[in-house]
């Protein structure tokens, strides 16, 4: 029971950390993109 609780807690902690990292990355990318000059296209891949 204790081992299961510890494993669950570790999993939740890892998932939370990964989610926060993803949100931070997406936020950073969105902020960077909003500061870039527009070239007439919303998506400009090269």
N, C-alpha and C. Protein backbone atom coordinates (compact mmCIF):
# COMPACT_ATOMS: atom_id res chain seq x y z
N UNK A 1 0.84 -1.20 0.00
CA UNK A 1 0.00 0.00 0.00
C UNK A 1 0.88 1.25 0.00
N UNK A 2 1.87 1.25 0.88
CA UNK A 2 2.76 2.40 0.96
C UNK A 2 3.57 2.54 -0.32
N UNK A 3 4.03 1.39 -0.85
CA UNK A 3 4.81 1.41 -2.08
C UNK A 3 3.97 1.94 -3.23
N UNK A 4 2.71 1.51 -3.28
CA UNK A 4 1.81 1.95 -4.33
C UNK A 4 1.58 3.46 -4.22
N UNK A 5 1.42 3.94 -3.00
CA UNK A 5 1.20 5.37 -2.80
C UNK A 5 2.42 6.17 -3.23
N UNK A 6 3.60 5.65 -2.90
CA UNK A 6 4.84 6.33 -3.28
C UNK A 6 5.00 6.35 -4.79
N UNK A 7 4.69 5.23 -5.44
CA UNK A 7 4.80 5.15 -6.89
C UNK A 7 3.82 6.12 -7.55
N UNK A 8 2.61 6.17 -7.01
CA UNK A 8 1.60 7.07 -7.56
C UNK A 8 2.04 8.52 -7.40
N UNK A 9 2.57 8.84 -6.22
CA UNK A 9 3.02 10.20 -5.96
C UNK A 9 4.16 10.59 -6.89
N UNK A 10 5.08 9.64 -7.13
CA UNK A 10 6.20 9.90 -8.02
C UNK A 10 5.71 10.13 -9.45
N UNK A 11 4.73 9.33 -9.86
CA UNK A 11 4.19 9.46 -11.21
C UNK A 11 3.50 10.81 -11.38
N UNK A 12 2.70 11.19 -10.39
CA UNK A 12 2.00 12.47 -10.45
C UNK A 12 3.01 13.62 -10.48
N UNK A 13 4.06 13.50 -9.68
CA UNK A 13 5.08 14.54 -9.63
C UNK A 13 5.77 14.67 -10.99
N UNK A 14 6.12 13.55 -11.59
CA UNK A 14 6.79 13.57 -12.89
C UNK A 14 5.87 14.14 -13.97
N UNK A 15 4.60 13.74 -13.92
CA UNK A 15 3.63 14.24 -14.90
C UNK A 15 3.44 15.74 -14.76
N UNK A 16 3.35 16.20 -13.51
CA UNK A 16 3.17 17.63 -13.26
C UNK A 16 4.37 18.41 -13.76
N UNK A 17 5.57 17.89 -13.51
CA UNK A 17 6.79 18.57 -13.96
C UNK A 17 6.82 18.64 -15.48
N UNK A 18 6.46 17.55 -16.14
CA UNK A 18 6.47 17.51 -17.60
C UNK A 18 5.44 18.50 -18.16
N UNK A 19 4.27 18.55 -17.51
CA UNK A 19 3.22 19.46 -17.97
C UNK A 19 3.67 20.90 -17.83
N UNK A 20 4.28 21.22 -16.69
CA UNK A 20 4.76 22.59 -16.47
C UNK A 20 5.82 22.96 -17.49
N UNK A 21 6.71 22.02 -17.80
CA UNK A 21 7.77 22.27 -18.77
C UNK A 21 7.17 22.53 -20.15
N UNK A 22 6.16 21.74 -20.51
CA UNK A 22 5.50 21.90 -21.80
C UNK A 22 4.81 23.25 -21.89
N UNK A 23 4.08 23.61 -20.83
CA UNK A 23 3.38 24.90 -20.81
C UNK A 23 4.38 26.05 -20.92
N UNK A 24 5.49 25.94 -20.21
CA UNK A 24 6.51 26.99 -20.26
C UNK A 24 7.08 27.12 -21.66
N UNK A 25 7.33 25.98 -22.31
CA UNK A 25 7.89 25.99 -23.67
C UNK A 25 6.90 26.61 -24.65
N UNK A 26 5.65 26.19 -24.57
CA UNK A 26 4.62 26.72 -25.47
C UNK A 26 4.45 28.22 -25.27
N UNK A 27 4.46 28.64 -24.01
CA UNK A 27 4.31 30.06 -23.70
C UNK A 27 5.47 30.86 -24.28
N UNK A 28 6.68 30.32 -24.12
CA UNK A 28 7.87 30.99 -24.65
C UNK A 28 7.81 31.11 -26.16
N UNK A 29 7.42 30.02 -26.83
CA UNK A 29 7.32 30.03 -28.29
C UNK A 29 6.26 31.03 -28.74
N UNK A 30 5.12 31.03 -28.07
CA UNK A 30 4.04 31.94 -28.43
C UNK A 30 4.47 33.39 -28.25
N UNK A 31 5.18 33.66 -27.17
CA UNK A 31 5.66 35.02 -26.91
C UNK A 31 6.66 35.44 -27.98
N UNK A 32 7.57 34.53 -28.32
CA UNK A 32 8.57 34.82 -29.34
C UNK A 32 7.91 35.07 -30.69
N UNK A 33 6.95 34.23 -31.04
CA UNK A 33 6.27 34.37 -32.33
C UNK A 33 5.51 35.68 -32.41
N UNK A 34 4.91 36.11 -31.30
CA UNK A 34 4.13 37.34 -31.31
C UNK A 34 5.03 38.56 -31.49
N UNK A 35 6.32 38.41 -31.16
CA UNK A 35 7.26 39.53 -31.30
C UNK A 35 7.92 39.57 -32.67
N UNK A 36 7.82 38.46 -33.42
CA UNK A 36 8.44 38.41 -34.73
C UNK A 36 7.63 39.25 -35.72
N UNK A 37 8.31 39.91 -36.66
CA UNK A 37 7.60 40.70 -37.67
C UNK A 37 6.83 39.78 -38.62
N UNK A 38 5.65 40.21 -39.00
CA UNK A 38 4.83 39.40 -39.89
C UNK A 38 5.29 39.57 -41.33
N UNK A 39 5.20 38.49 -42.08
CA UNK A 39 5.59 38.55 -43.49
C UNK A 39 4.37 38.38 -44.38
N UNK A 40 3.20 38.65 -43.84
CA UNK A 40 1.99 38.52 -44.62
C UNK A 40 1.35 37.14 -44.46
N UNK A 41 2.10 36.20 -43.88
CA UNK A 41 1.56 34.86 -43.67
C UNK A 41 1.59 34.55 -42.18
N UNK A 42 0.52 33.88 -41.70
CA UNK A 42 0.47 33.52 -40.29
C UNK A 42 1.53 32.48 -39.99
N UNK A 43 1.69 31.54 -40.93
CA UNK A 43 2.71 30.50 -40.75
C UNK A 43 3.70 30.59 -41.90
N UNK A 44 4.94 30.88 -41.56
CA UNK A 44 5.96 31.01 -42.60
C UNK A 44 7.08 30.02 -42.31
N UNK A 45 7.08 28.91 -43.04
CA UNK A 45 8.09 27.87 -42.80
C UNK A 45 9.23 28.00 -43.79
N UNK A 46 10.07 29.00 -43.61
CA UNK A 46 11.22 29.18 -44.46
C UNK A 46 10.91 29.97 -45.71
